[in-house]
Amino acid sequence: MTFDGLGGADAHTSKSGVCHFVAKSEPDCFRQVRELLSYLPQNRWEKAPRVANPDPIRRQVPLLEKMCDLDPRKSYRVHHIVWQIADEHKFFEVQAAFAKNIVTGFCRMGGEVVGVIANNPGHAAGALDINASDKAARFIRFLNCFNIPILTLVDVPGYWPGVTQEHGGIIRHGAKILFAYAEATVPKITVILRKAYGGAYIAMSSKHMKGDFNFALPCAEIAVMGPAGAVEILYSREIAACKTDADKAALRAKLSAEYAAKFASPYQTASTGSIDEVIEPSQMRYKVVRALRFLKDKRVPGTHENRGNIPL
């Protein structure tokens, strides 16, 4: 083992998560520091600096219409969603090399600073695991300390399964993200992009975690588990009774579509009050900015005592 392999920049940015940023040169380091500080208030009693916004808040995002045509099993980088809705397509990512299945960082929307927490289907399907839970929870608490609103973009199939995760304490680590969201008193806006299954859906700033505005795209699936998995459990005998593989595939497709329409539809979830509105993808930027402006004076009594950010 070399010194760099044990405690170098790559080891601590990608494996341990101890280091949040790495610079290629001294000028690059100064540039990153300036950009980071541009998103932060001077102290916890102030709000993050607002800047003049040349990007129209009603700018439509037609590229997001493709979300509804995307196969739920296909992966994509959630960064493209953030770039599309952010002012001038700018996003400053934090801990980019660590726990890539969840993305954290800063952007501006309507001139206001926003902290972004987003599942990333481009890595480990965007599922929550030990490292992702720790990464998200610490960033959520950081945003809450400095009065920065939280935007959560959800596309999560659940918590990552396996012996390593169970023995590593996924329940204990996974609880941190729920605690962080429930504790946060800043504005919390959530958009469900595609999948939102099981306990991971609850964890990602759902109404149960005191989300202020919860939106969903028309293609969102909100359920205990995915239609394909549910059908295999609920209709195992019927599927096994099919004589050919083609018949089994056809029955699975039919039952999955029925399950999705009846139990996983965002309109069904909206009817229970867990979703405030099912929005058009092209209108996502405008809906989020409008919600931020509505919540700009949000205050929760009794939550302004001195507070720190435990290094989770």
C-alpha atoms as a PDB file:
ATOM      1  CA  MET A   1       0.000   0.000   0.000  1.00  0.00           C
ATOM      2  CA  THR A   2       1.358   3.416  -0.987  1.00  0.00           C
ATOM      3  CA  PHE A   3       0.870   6.662   0.922  1.00  0.00           C
ATOM      4  CA  ASP A   4      -1.465   7.949  -1.806  1.00  0.00           C
ATOM      5  CA  GLY A   5      -3.381   4.682  -1.894  1.00  0.00           C
ATOM      6  CA  LEU A   6      -3.881   4.833   1.861  1.00  0.00           C
ATOM      7  CA  GLY A   7      -4.729   8.502   2.345  1.00  0.00           C
ATOM      8  CA  GLY A   8      -4.407  10.374  -0.933  1.00  0.00           C
ATOM      9  CA  ALA A   9      -6.972  12.582  -2.659  1.00  0.00           C
ATOM     10  CA  ASP A  10      -8.488   9.737  -4.695  1.00  0.00           C
ATOM     11  CA  ALA A  11      -8.866   7.484  -1.661  1.00  0.00           C
ATOM     12  CA  HIS A  12     -10.597  10.110   0.447  1.00  0.00           C
ATOM     13  CA  THR A  13     -12.847  11.509  -2.288  1.00  0.00           C
ATOM     14  CA  SER A  14     -14.055   8.189  -3.727  1.00  0.00           C
ATOM     15  CA  LYS A  15     -13.737   5.605  -0.947  1.00  0.00           C
ATOM     16  CA  SER A  16     -13.908   7.169   2.517  1.00  0.00           C
ATOM     17  CA  GLY A  17     -15.880  10.321   1.664  1.00  0.00           C
ATOM     18  CA  VAL A  18     -13.712  12.345   4.051  1.00  0.00           C
ATOM     19  CA  CYS A  19     -12.748  14.845   1.326  1.00  0.00           C
ATOM     20  CA  HIS A  20     -15.535  16.699  -0.496  1.00  0.00           C
ATOM     21  CA  PHE A  21     -13.558  18.400  -3.272  1.00  0.00           C
ATOM     22  CA  VAL A  22     -10.332  17.779  -5.151  1.00  0.00           C
ATOM     23  CA  ALA A  23      -8.517  20.343  -7.309  1.00  0.00           C
ATOM     24  CA  LYS A  24      -6.201  19.730 -10.249  1.00  0.00           C
ATOM     25  CA  SER A  25      -4.130  22.846  -9.601  1.00  0.00           C
ATOM     26  CA  GLU A  26      -3.853  25.840  -7.276  1.00  0.00           C
ATOM     27  CA  PRO A  27      -5.879  28.132  -9.611  1.00  0.00           C
ATOM     28  CA  ASP A  28      -8.548  25.405  -9.860  1.00  0.00           C
ATOM     29  CA  CYS A  29      -8.616  25.211  -6.050  1.00  0.00           C
ATOM     30  CA  PHE A  30      -9.168  28.969  -5.745  1.00  0.00           C
ATOM     31  CA  ARG A  31     -11.887  28.825  -8.408  1.00  0.00           C
ATOM     32  CA  GLN A  32     -13.752  26.091  -6.539  1.00  0.00           C
ATOM     33  CA  VAL A  33     -13.477  27.940  -3.219  1.00  0.00           C
ATOM     34  CA  ARG A  34     -14.879  31.130  -4.782  1.00  0.00           C
ATOM     35  CA  GLU A  35     -17.732  29.217  -6.396  1.00  0.00           C
ATOM     36  CA  LEU A  36     -18.579  27.367  -3.175  1.00  0.00           C
ATOM     37  CA  LEU A  37     -18.621  30.571  -1.118  1.00  0.00           C
ATOM     38  CA  SER A  38     -20.870  32.252  -3.686  1.00  0.00           C
ATOM     39  CA  TYR A  39     -23.642  29.842  -2.651  1.00  0.00           C
ATOM     40  CA  LEU A  40     -23.262  30.291   1.119  1.00  0.00           C
ATOM     41  CA  PRO A  41     -24.474  33.005   3.503  1.00  0.00           C
ATOM     42  CA  GLN A  42     -21.978  34.793   5.763  1.00  0.00           C
ATOM     43  CA  ASN A  43     -23.397  33.010   8.809  1.00  0.00           C
ATOM     44  CA  ARG A  44     -26.360  30.960   9.991  1.00  0.00           C
ATOM     45  CA  TRP A  45     -28.478  34.041  10.727  1.00  0.00           C
ATOM     46  CA  GLU A  46     -28.459  35.198   7.118  1.00  0.00           C
ATOM     47  CA  LYS A  47     -29.877  33.795   3.907  1.00  0.00           C
ATOM     48  CA  ALA A  48     -27.770  32.734   0.969  1.00  0.00           C
ATOM     49  CA  PRO A  49     -27.027  35.587  -1.452  1.00  0.00           C
ATOM     50  CA  ARG A  50     -29.594  36.166  -4.188  1.00  0.00           C
ATOM     51  CA  VAL A  51     -28.316  37.230  -7.615  1.00  0.00           C
ATOM     52  CA  ALA A  52     -29.958  38.786 -10.647  1.00  0.00           C
ATOM     53  CA  ASN A  53     -31.418  36.011 -12.743  1.00  0.00           C
ATOM     54  CA  PRO A  54     -31.046  36.350 -16.521  1.00  0.00           C
ATOM     55  CA  ASP A  55     -32.693  32.956 -17.045  1.00  0.00           C
ATOM     56  CA  PRO A  56     -36.521  33.246 -17.370  1.00  0.00           C
ATOM     57  CA  ILE A  57     -38.325  31.349 -14.636  1.00  0.00           C
ATOM     58  CA  ARG A  58     -40.980  30.266 -17.151  1.00  0.00           C
ATOM     59  CA  ARG A  59     -38.348  28.728 -19.415  1.00  0.00           C
ATOM     60  CA  GLN A  60     -39.759  25.405 -20.516  1.00  0.00           C
ATOM     61  CA  VAL A  61     -37.673  22.250 -20.433  1.00  0.00           C
ATOM     62  CA  PRO A  62     -38.880  20.197 -23.421  1.00  0.00           C
ATOM     63  CA  LEU A  63     -36.018  17.712 -23.039  1.00  0.00           C
ATOM     64  CA  LEU A  64     -37.630  16.443 -19.837  1.00  0.00           C
ATOM     65  CA  GLU A  65     -40.632  15.261 -21.846  1.00  0.00           C
ATOM     66  CA  LYS A  66     -38.428  12.312 -22.825  1.00  0.00           C
ATOM     67  CA  MET A  67     -38.541  11.142 -19.211  1.00  0.00           C
ATOM     68  CA  CYS A  68     -42.038   9.834 -19.758  1.00  0.00           C
ATOM     69  CA  ASP A  69     -40.921   7.850 -22.804  1.00  0.00           C
ATOM     70  CA  LEU A  70     -37.894   6.308 -21.088  1.00  0.00           C
ATOM     71  CA  ASP A  71     -37.950   2.616 -20.212  1.00  0.00           C
ATOM     72  CA  PRO A  72     -38.102   2.417 -16.379  1.00  0.00           C
ATOM     73  CA  ARG A  73     -35.263  -0.119 -16.506  1.00  0.00           C
ATOM     74  CA  LYS A  74     -32.945   2.206 -18.442  1.00  0.00           C
ATOM     75  CA  SER A  75     -30.339   4.225 -16.586  1.00  0.00           C
ATOM     76  CA  TYR A  76     -29.450   7.875 -17.045  1.00  0.00           C
ATOM     77  CA  ARG A  77     -27.377  10.516 -15.247  1.00  0.00           C
ATOM     78  CA  VAL A  78     -29.573  12.698 -13.082  1.00  0.00           C
ATOM     79  CA  HIS A  79     -27.105  15.549 -13.648  1.00  0.00           C
ATOM     80  CA  HIS A  80     -28.821  16.172 -16.988  1.00  0.00           C
ATOM     81  CA  ILE A  81     -32.098  16.861 -15.165  1.00  0.00           C
ATOM     82  CA  VAL A  82     -30.419  19.285 -12.758  1.00  0.00           C
ATOM     83  CA  TRP A  83     -28.599  21.119 -15.555  1.00  0.00           C
ATOM     84  CA  GLN A  84     -31.866  21.540 -17.457  1.00  0.00           C
ATOM     85  CA  ILE A  85     -33.821  23.146 -14.615  1.00  0.00           C
ATOM     86  CA  ALA A  86     -31.015  25.202 -12.984  1.00  0.00           C
ATOM     87  CA  ASP A  87     -30.386  28.863 -13.776  1.00  0.00           C
ATOM     88  CA  GLU A  88     -28.066  29.059 -16.790  1.00  0.00           C
ATOM     89  CA  HIS A  89     -27.638  25.264 -16.547  1.00  0.00           C
ATOM     90  CA  LYS A  90     -25.065  25.611 -13.726  1.00  0.00           C
ATOM     91  CA  PHE A  91     -24.660  23.026 -10.974  1.00  0.00           C
ATOM     92  CA  PHE A  92     -21.876  22.861  -8.360  1.00  0.00           C
ATOM     93  CA  GLU A  93     -21.613  19.255  -7.177  1.00  0.00           C
ATOM     94  CA  VAL A  94     -20.417  18.254  -3.698  1.00  0.00           C
ATOM     95  CA  GLN A  95     -18.678  14.901  -3.083  1.00  0.00           C
ATOM     96  CA  ALA A  96     -18.930  14.052  -6.767  1.00  0.00           C
ATOM     97  CA  ALA A  97     -16.723  10.940  -6.554  1.00  0.00           C
ATOM     98  CA  PHE A  98     -18.281   9.413  -3.417  1.00  0.00           C
ATOM     99  CA  ALA A  99     -21.530   7.399  -3.304  1.00  0.00           C
ATOM    100  CA  LYS A 100     -22.353   8.243  -6.907  1.00  0.00           C
ATOM    101  CA  ASN A 101     -25.812   6.701  -6.586  1.00  0.00           C
ATOM    102  CA  ILE A 102     -26.907   9.947  -4.942  1.00  0.00           C
ATOM    103  CA  VAL A 103     -25.985  13.432  -6.156  1.00  0.00           C
ATOM    104  CA  THR A 104     -25.645  16.470  -3.899  1.00  0.00           C
ATOM    105  CA  GLY A 105     -24.756  20.046  -4.738  1.00  0.00           C
ATOM    106  CA  PHE A 106     -25.797  23.652  -5.219  1.00  0.00           C
ATOM    107  CA  CYS A 107     -27.578  25.490  -8.006  1.00  0.00           C
ATOM    108  CA  ARG A 108     -29.698  28.591  -8.375  1.00  0.00           C
ATOM    109  CA  MET A 109     -33.317  28.698  -9.436  1.00  0.00           C
ATOM    110  CA  GLY A 110     -34.922  32.057 -10.031  1.00  0.00           C
ATOM    111  CA  GLY A 111     -31.772  33.631  -8.598  1.00  0.00           C
ATOM    112  CA  GLU A 112     -32.139  31.819  -5.257  1.00  0.00           C
ATOM    113  CA  VAL A 113     -29.629  29.279  -3.958  1.00  0.00           C
ATOM    114  CA  VAL A 114     -30.992  25.736  -3.716  1.00  0.00           C
ATOM    115  CA  GLY A 115     -29.418  22.559  -2.357  1.00  0.00           C
ATOM    116  CA  VAL A 116     -30.078  19.542  -4.556  1.00  0.00           C
ATOM    117  CA  ILE A 117     -30.403  15.932  -3.375  1.00  0.00           C
ATOM    118  CA  ALA A 118     -31.024  13.543  -6.291  1.00  0.00           C
ATOM    119  CA  ASN A 119     -31.017   9.792  -6.826  1.00  0.00           C
ATOM    120  CA  ASN A 120     -28.754   8.915  -9.745  1.00  0.00           C
ATOM    121  CA  PRO A 121     -29.978   5.902 -11.766  1.00  0.00           C
ATOM    122  CA  GLY A 122     -26.695   6.014 -13.678  1.00  0.00           C
ATOM    123  CA  HIS A 123     -24.947   4.373 -10.711  1.00  0.00           C
ATOM    124  CA  ALA A 124     -26.294   1.394  -8.717  1.00  0.00           C
ATOM    125  CA  ALA A 125     -29.767   2.196 -10.109  1.00  0.00           C
ATOM    126  CA  GLY A 126     -29.968   5.190  -7.764  1.00  0.00           C
ATOM    127  CA  ALA A 127     -30.688   2.936  -4.779  1.00  0.00           C
ATOM    128  CA  LEU A 128     -29.913   4.089  -1.251  1.00  0.00           C
ATOM    129  CA  ASP A 129     -27.048   2.349   0.490  1.00  0.00           C
ATOM    130  CA  ILE A 130     -24.907   3.061   3.560  1.00  0.00           C
ATOM    131  CA  ASN A 131     -22.620   5.616   1.923  1.00  0.00           C
ATOM    132  CA  ALA A 132     -25.420   7.347   0.015  1.00  0.00           C
ATOM    133  CA  SER A 133     -27.470   7.691   3.201  1.00  0.00           C
ATOM    134  CA  ASP A 134     -24.566   9.223   5.114  1.00  0.00           C
ATOM    135  CA  LYS A 135     -23.695  11.559   2.234  1.00  0.00           C
ATOM    136  CA  ALA A 136     -27.255  12.820   1.793  1.00  0.00           C
ATOM    137  CA  ALA A 137     -27.980  13.147   5.519  1.00  0.00           C
ATOM    138  CA  ARG A 138     -24.908  15.274   6.195  1.00  0.00           C
ATOM    139  CA  PHE A 139     -25.656  17.561   3.232  1.00  0.00           C
ATOM    140  CA  ILE A 140     -29.300  17.973   4.269  1.00  0.00           C
ATOM    141  CA  ARG A 141     -28.209  18.996   7.768  1.00  0.00           C
ATOM    142  CA  PHE A 142     -25.646  21.411   6.283  1.00  0.00           C
ATOM    143  CA  LEU A 143     -28.365  23.074   4.188  1.00  0.00           C
ATOM    144  CA  ASN A 144     -30.621  23.311   7.222  1.00  0.00           C
ATOM    145  CA  CYS A 145     -27.849  24.996   9.242  1.00  0.00           C
ATOM    146  CA  PHE A 146     -27.428  27.717   6.617  1.00  0.00           C
ATOM    147  CA  ASN A 147     -31.086  28.360   5.690  1.00  0.00           C
ATOM    148  CA  ILE A 148     -30.773  26.934   2.172  1.00  0.00           C
ATOM    149  CA  PRO A 149     -33.927  25.370   0.636  1.00  0.00           C
ATOM    150  CA  ILE A 150     -33.790  21.696  -0.348  1.00  0.00           C
ATOM    151  CA  LEU A 151     -34.845  20.340  -3.751  1.00  0.00           C
ATOM    152  CA  THR A 152     -35.126  16.542  -3.865  1.00  0.00           C
ATOM    153  CA  LEU A 153     -35.300  14.703  -7.198  1.00  0.00           C
ATOM    154  CA  VAL A 154     -36.525  11.152  -6.677  1.00  0.00           C
ATOM    155  CA  ASP A 155     -35.882   8.098  -8.831  1.00  0.00           C
ATOM    156  CA  VAL A 156     -35.232   5.372  -6.294  1.00  0.00           C
ATOM    157  CA  PRO A 157     -35.937   1.622  -6.537  1.00  0.00           C
ATOM    158  CA  GLY A 158     -35.363   1.078  -2.813  1.00  0.00           C
ATOM    159  CA  TYR A 159     -32.553   0.373  -0.387  1.00  0.00           C
ATOM    160  CA  TRP A 160     -29.633  -1.618  -1.800  1.00  0.00           C
ATOM    161  CA  PRO A 161     -29.868  -5.271  -0.658  1.00  0.00           C
ATOM    162  CA  GLY A 162     -27.099  -7.668   0.264  1.00  0.00           C
ATOM    163  CA  VAL A 163     -25.038  -9.167   3.064  1.00  0.00           C
ATOM    164  CA  THR A 164     -22.499  -6.321   3.072  1.00  0.00           C
ATOM    165  CA  GLN A 165     -25.213  -3.714   3.504  1.00  0.00           C
ATOM    166  CA  GLU A 166     -27.083  -5.643   6.193  1.00  0.00           C
ATOM    167  CA  HIS A 167     -23.961  -6.411   8.198  1.00  0.00           C
ATOM    168  CA  GLY A 168     -22.779  -2.828   7.739  1.00  0.00           C
ATOM    169  CA  GLY A 169     -25.955  -1.526   9.358  1.00  0.00           C
ATOM    170  CA  ILE A 170     -28.049  -0.236   6.446  1.00  0.00           C
ATOM    171  CA  ILE A 171     -31.013   0.196   8.812  1.00  0.00           C
ATOM    172  CA  ARG A 172     -28.944   2.352  11.175  1.00  0.00           C
ATOM    173  CA  HIS A 173     -27.336   4.390   8.382  1.00  0.00           C
ATOM    174  CA  GLY A 174     -30.509   4.553   6.325  1.00  0.00           C
ATOM    175  CA  ALA A 175     -32.341   6.064   9.290  1.00  0.00           C
ATOM    176  CA  LYS A 176     -30.023   9.080   9.178  1.00  0.00           C
ATOM    177  CA  ILE A 177     -31.525  10.408   5.954  1.00  0.00           C
ATOM    178  CA  LEU A 178     -35.052  10.105   7.360  1.00  0.00           C
ATOM    179  CA  PHE A 179     -34.009  11.900  10.543  1.00  0.00           C
ATOM    180  CA  ALA A 180     -32.258  14.659   8.582  1.00  0.00           C
ATOM    181  CA  TYR A 181     -35.279  15.352   6.373  1.00  0.00           C
ATOM    182  CA  ALA A 182     -37.738  15.235   9.270  1.00  0.00           C
ATOM    183  CA  GLU A 183     -35.551  17.575  11.319  1.00  0.00           C
ATOM    184  CA  ALA A 184     -34.970  20.134   8.536  1.00  0.00           C
ATOM    185  CA  THR A 185     -37.066  23.303   8.852  1.00  0.00           C
ATOM    186  CA  VAL A 186     -36.012  24.974   5.588  1.00  0.00           C
ATOM    187  CA  PRO A 187     -38.298  24.824   2.513  1.00  0.00           C
ATOM    188  CA  LYS A 188     -38.437  21.278   1.149  1.00  0.00           C
ATOM    189  CA  ILE A 189     -39.602  20.638  -2.419  1.00  0.00           C
ATOM    190  CA  THR A 190     -39.704  17.168  -3.946  1.00  0.00           C
ATOM    191  CA  VAL A 191     -40.186  16.012  -7.537  1.00  0.00           C
ATOM    192  CA  ILE A 192     -40.663  12.307  -8.261  1.00  0.00           C
ATOM    193  CA  LEU A 193     -39.141  11.735 -11.686  1.00  0.00           C
ATOM    194  CA  ARG A 194     -39.741   8.053 -12.232  1.00  0.00           C
ATOM    195  CA  LYS A 195     -39.537   5.315  -9.570  1.00  0.00           C
ATOM    196  CA  ALA A 196     -40.343   5.787  -5.885  1.00  0.00           C
ATOM    197  CA  TYR A 197     -40.598   2.414  -4.186  1.00  0.00           C
ATOM    198  CA  GLY A 198     -40.945   1.224  -0.633  1.00  0.00           C
ATOM    199  CA  GLY A 199     -39.183   2.710   2.356  1.00  0.00           C
ATOM    200  CA  ALA A 200     -36.776   4.611   0.119  1.00  0.00           C
ATOM    201  CA  TYR A 201     -39.736   6.617  -1.233  1.00  0.00           C
ATOM    202  CA  ILE A 202     -40.674   7.586   2.313  1.00  0.00           C
ATOM    203  CA  ALA A 203     -37.070   8.573   3.050  1.00  0.00           C
ATOM    204  CA  MET A 204     -36.678  10.890   0.053  1.00  0.00           C
ATOM    205  CA  SER A 205     -38.490  13.919   1.473  1.00  0.00           C
ATOM    206  CA  SER A 206     -41.994  12.534   1.165  1.00  0.00           C
ATOM    207  CA  LYS A 207     -44.991  14.136   2.858  1.00  0.00           C
ATOM    208  CA  HIS A 208     -44.304  11.806   5.769  1.00  0.00           C
ATOM    209  CA  MET A 209     -40.955  13.601   6.197  1.00  0.00           C
ATOM    210  CA  LYS A 210     -42.724  16.994   6.271  1.00  0.00           C
ATOM    211  CA  GLY A 211     -42.151  17.863   2.616  1.00  0.00           C
ATOM    212  CA  ASP A 212     -43.718  21.247   1.793  1.00  0.00           C
ATOM    213  CA  PHE A 213     -44.439  20.704  -1.899  1.00  0.00           C
ATOM    214  CA  ASN A 214     -44.367  17.245  -3.426  1.00  0.00           C
ATOM    215  CA  PHE A 215     -44.714  16.971  -7.187  1.00  0.00           C
ATOM    216  CA  ALA A 216     -44.623  14.003  -9.553  1.00  0.00           C
ATOM    217  CA  LEU A 217     -44.238  13.592 -13.295  1.00  0.00           C
ATOM    218  CA  PRO A 218     -47.002  11.700 -15.122  1.00  0.00           C
ATOM    219  CA  CYS A 219     -44.639   8.733 -15.639  1.00  0.00           C
ATOM    220  CA  ALA A 220     -43.854   8.394 -11.922  1.00  0.00           C
ATOM    221  CA  GLU A 221     -44.443   5.043 -10.238  1.00  0.00           C
ATOM    222  CA  ILE A 222     -45.114   5.235  -6.482  1.00  0.00           C
ATOM    223  CA  ALA A 223     -45.646   1.901  -4.788  1.00  0.00           C
ATOM    224  CA  VAL A 224     -44.432  -0.569  -2.186  1.00  0.00           C
ATOM    225  CA  MET A 225     -42.390  -2.247  -4.914  1.00  0.00           C
ATOM    226  CA  GLY A 226     -42.065  -2.247  -8.700  1.00  0.00           C
ATOM    227  CA  PRO A 227     -44.838  -3.753 -10.836  1.00  0.00           C
ATOM    228  CA  ALA A 228     -42.575  -6.503 -12.213  1.00  0.00           C
ATOM    229  CA  GLY A 229     -41.548  -7.716  -8.760  1.00  0.00           C
ATOM    230  CA  ALA A 230     -45.049  -7.440  -7.356  1.00  0.00           C
ATOM    231  CA  VAL A 231     -46.532  -9.467 -10.206  1.00  0.00           C
ATOM    232  CA  GLU A 232     -43.980 -12.263  -9.693  1.00  0.00           C
ATOM    233  CA  ILE A 233     -45.106 -12.557  -6.063  1.00  0.00           C
ATOM    234  CA  LEU A 234     -48.862 -12.000  -6.402  1.00  0.00           C
ATOM    235  CA  TYR A 235     -49.403 -14.061  -9.551  1.00  0.00           C
ATOM    236  CA  SER A 236     -46.666 -16.699  -9.337  1.00  0.00           C
ATOM    237  CA  ARG A 237     -49.110 -19.589  -9.795  1.00  0.00           C
ATOM    238  CA  GLU A 238     -50.805 -18.053 -12.813  1.00  0.00           C
ATOM    239  CA  ILE A 239     -47.454 -17.349 -14.461  1.00  0.00           C
ATOM    240  CA  ALA A 240     -46.168 -20.858 -13.731  1.00  0.00           C
ATOM    241  CA  ALA A 241     -49.319 -22.327 -15.288  1.00  0.00           C
ATOM    242  CA  CYS A 242     -48.509 -20.784 -18.690  1.00  0.00           C
ATOM    243  CA  LYS A 243     -47.279 -23.371 -21.175  1.00  0.00           C
ATOM    244  CA  THR A 244     -44.706 -21.318 -23.092  1.00  0.00           C
ATOM    245  CA  ASP A 245     -42.203 -18.589 -22.287  1.00  0.00           C
ATOM    246  CA  ALA A 246     -44.014 -16.279 -24.714  1.00  0.00           C
ATOM    247  CA  ASP A 247     -47.264 -16.776 -22.820  1.00  0.00           C
ATOM    248  CA  LYS A 248     -45.501 -16.073 -19.530  1.00  0.00           C
ATOM    249  CA  ALA A 249     -43.977 -12.872 -20.898  1.00  0.00           C
ATOM    250  CA  ALA A 250     -47.329 -11.711 -22.269  1.00  0.00           C
ATOM    251  CA  LEU A 251     -49.081 -12.402 -18.952  1.00  0.00           C
ATOM    252  CA  ARG A 252     -46.341 -10.623 -16.986  1.00  0.00           C
ATOM    253  CA  ALA A 253     -46.632  -7.574 -19.237  1.00  0.00           C
ATOM    254  CA  LYS A 254     -50.425  -7.506 -18.936  1.00  0.00           C
ATOM    255  CA  LEU A 255     -50.444  -7.911 -15.157  1.00  0.00           C
ATOM    256  CA  SER A 256     -47.618  -5.382 -14.691  1.00  0.00           C
ATOM    257  CA  ALA A 257     -49.530  -2.774 -16.674  1.00  0.00           C
ATOM    258  CA  GLU A 258     -52.670  -3.401 -14.618  1.00  0.00           C
ATOM    259  CA  TYR A 259     -50.718  -3.202 -11.344  1.00  0.00           C
ATOM    260  CA  ALA A 260     -48.986   0.033 -12.377  1.00  0.00           C
ATOM    261  CA  ALA A 261     -52.263   1.664 -13.384  1.00  0.00           C
ATOM    262  CA  LYS A 262     -54.124   0.600 -10.250  1.00  0.00           C
ATOM    263  CA  PHE A 263     -51.510   0.835  -7.493  1.00  0.00           C
ATOM    264  CA  ALA A 264     -48.461   2.773  -8.751  1.00  0.00           C
ATOM    265  CA  SER A 265     -50.066   5.706 -10.578  1.00  0.00           C
ATOM    266  CA  PRO A 266     -49.094   9.200  -9.360  1.00  0.00           C
ATOM    267  CA  TYR A 267     -52.750  10.195  -9.716  1.00  0.00           C
ATOM    268  CA  GLN A 268     -53.701   7.479  -7.242  1.00  0.00           C
ATOM    269  CA  THR A 269     -51.092   8.826  -4.807  1.00  0.00           C
ATOM    270  CA  ALA A 270     -52.284  12.390  -5.378  1.00  0.00           C
ATOM    271  CA  SER A 271     -55.816  11.346  -4.454  1.00  0.00           C
ATOM    272  CA  THR A 272     -54.562  10.453  -0.958  1.00  0.00           C
ATOM    273  CA  GLY A 273     -52.825  13.809  -0.489  1.00  0.00           C
ATOM    274  CA  SER A 274     -49.272  12.419  -0.587  1.00  0.00           C
ATOM    275  CA  ILE A 275     -48.626  14.280  -3.856  1.00  0.00           C
ATOM    276  CA  ASP A 276     -49.655  17.920  -4.257  1.00  0.00           C
ATOM    277  CA  GLU A 277     -49.673  17.987  -8.056  1.00  0.00           C
ATOM    278  CA  VAL A 278     -48.815  15.867 -11.077  1.00  0.00           C
ATOM    279  CA  ILE A 279     -46.907  18.269 -13.319  1.00  0.00           C
ATOM    280  CA  GLU A 280     -45.855  18.376 -16.944  1.00  0.00           C
ATOM    281  CA  PRO A 281     -42.104  17.700 -17.294  1.00  0.00           C
ATOM    282  CA  SER A 282     -41.552  20.835 -19.379  1.00  0.00           C
ATOM    283  CA  GLN A 283     -43.043  22.924 -16.540  1.00  0.00           C
ATOM    284  CA  MET A 284     -40.797  21.506 -13.799  1.00  0.00           C
ATOM    285  CA  ARG A 285     -38.497  24.525 -13.549  1.00  0.00           C
ATOM    286  CA  TYR A 286     -41.387  26.986 -13.264  1.00  0.00           C
ATOM    287  CA  LYS A 287     -43.242  24.868 -10.691  1.00  0.00           C
ATOM    288  CA  VAL A 288     -40.158  24.555  -8.474  1.00  0.00           C
ATOM    289  CA  VAL A 289     -39.308  28.277  -8.659  1.00  0.00           C
ATOM    290  CA  ARG A 290     -42.905  29.218  -7.853  1.00  0.00           C
ATOM    291  CA  ALA A 291     -42.882  26.881  -4.846  1.00  0.00           C
ATOM    292  CA  LEU A 292     -39.588  28.362  -3.643  1.00  0.00           C
ATOM    293  CA  ARG A 293     -41.010  31.867  -3.792  1.00  0.00           C
ATOM    294  CA  PHE A 294     -44.133  30.783  -1.948  1.00  0.00           C
ATOM    295  CA  LEU A 295     -41.950  29.327   0.833  1.00  0.00           C
ATOM    296  CA  LYS A 296     -39.374  32.134   1.006  1.00  0.00           C
ATOM    297  CA  ASP A 297     -40.557  33.288   4.447  1.00  0.00           C
ATOM    298  CA  LYS A 298     -41.092  29.824   5.903  1.00  0.00           C
ATOM    299  CA  ARG A 299     -40.299  29.655   9.596  1.00  0.00           C
ATOM    300  CA  VAL A 300     -40.839  26.859  12.086  1.00  0.00           C
ATOM    301  CA  PRO A 301     -41.250  28.101  15.690  1.00  0.00           C
ATOM    302  CA  GLY A 302     -38.761  26.841  18.234  1.00  0.00           C
ATOM    303  CA  THR A 303     -36.133  25.655  15.745  1.00  0.00           C
ATOM    304  CA  HIS A 304     -33.694  28.588  15.680  1.00  0.00           C
ATOM    305  CA  GLU A 305     -31.455  27.678  18.583  1.00  0.00           C
ATOM    306  CA  ASN A 306     -27.735  27.252  17.965  1.00  0.00           C
ATOM    307  CA  ARG A 307     -27.132  24.056  16.071  1.00  0.00           C
ATOM    308  CA  GLY A 308     -24.194  22.266  14.513  1.00  0.00           C
ATOM    309  CA  ASN A 309     -23.675  19.627  11.858  1.00  0.00           C
ATOM    310  CA  ILE A 310     -22.467  16.346  13.290  1.00  0.00           C
ATOM    311  CA  PRO A 311     -19.937  14.674  10.949  1.00  0.00           C
ATOM    312  CA  LEU A 312     -22.092  11.693  10.012  1.00  0.00           C
END
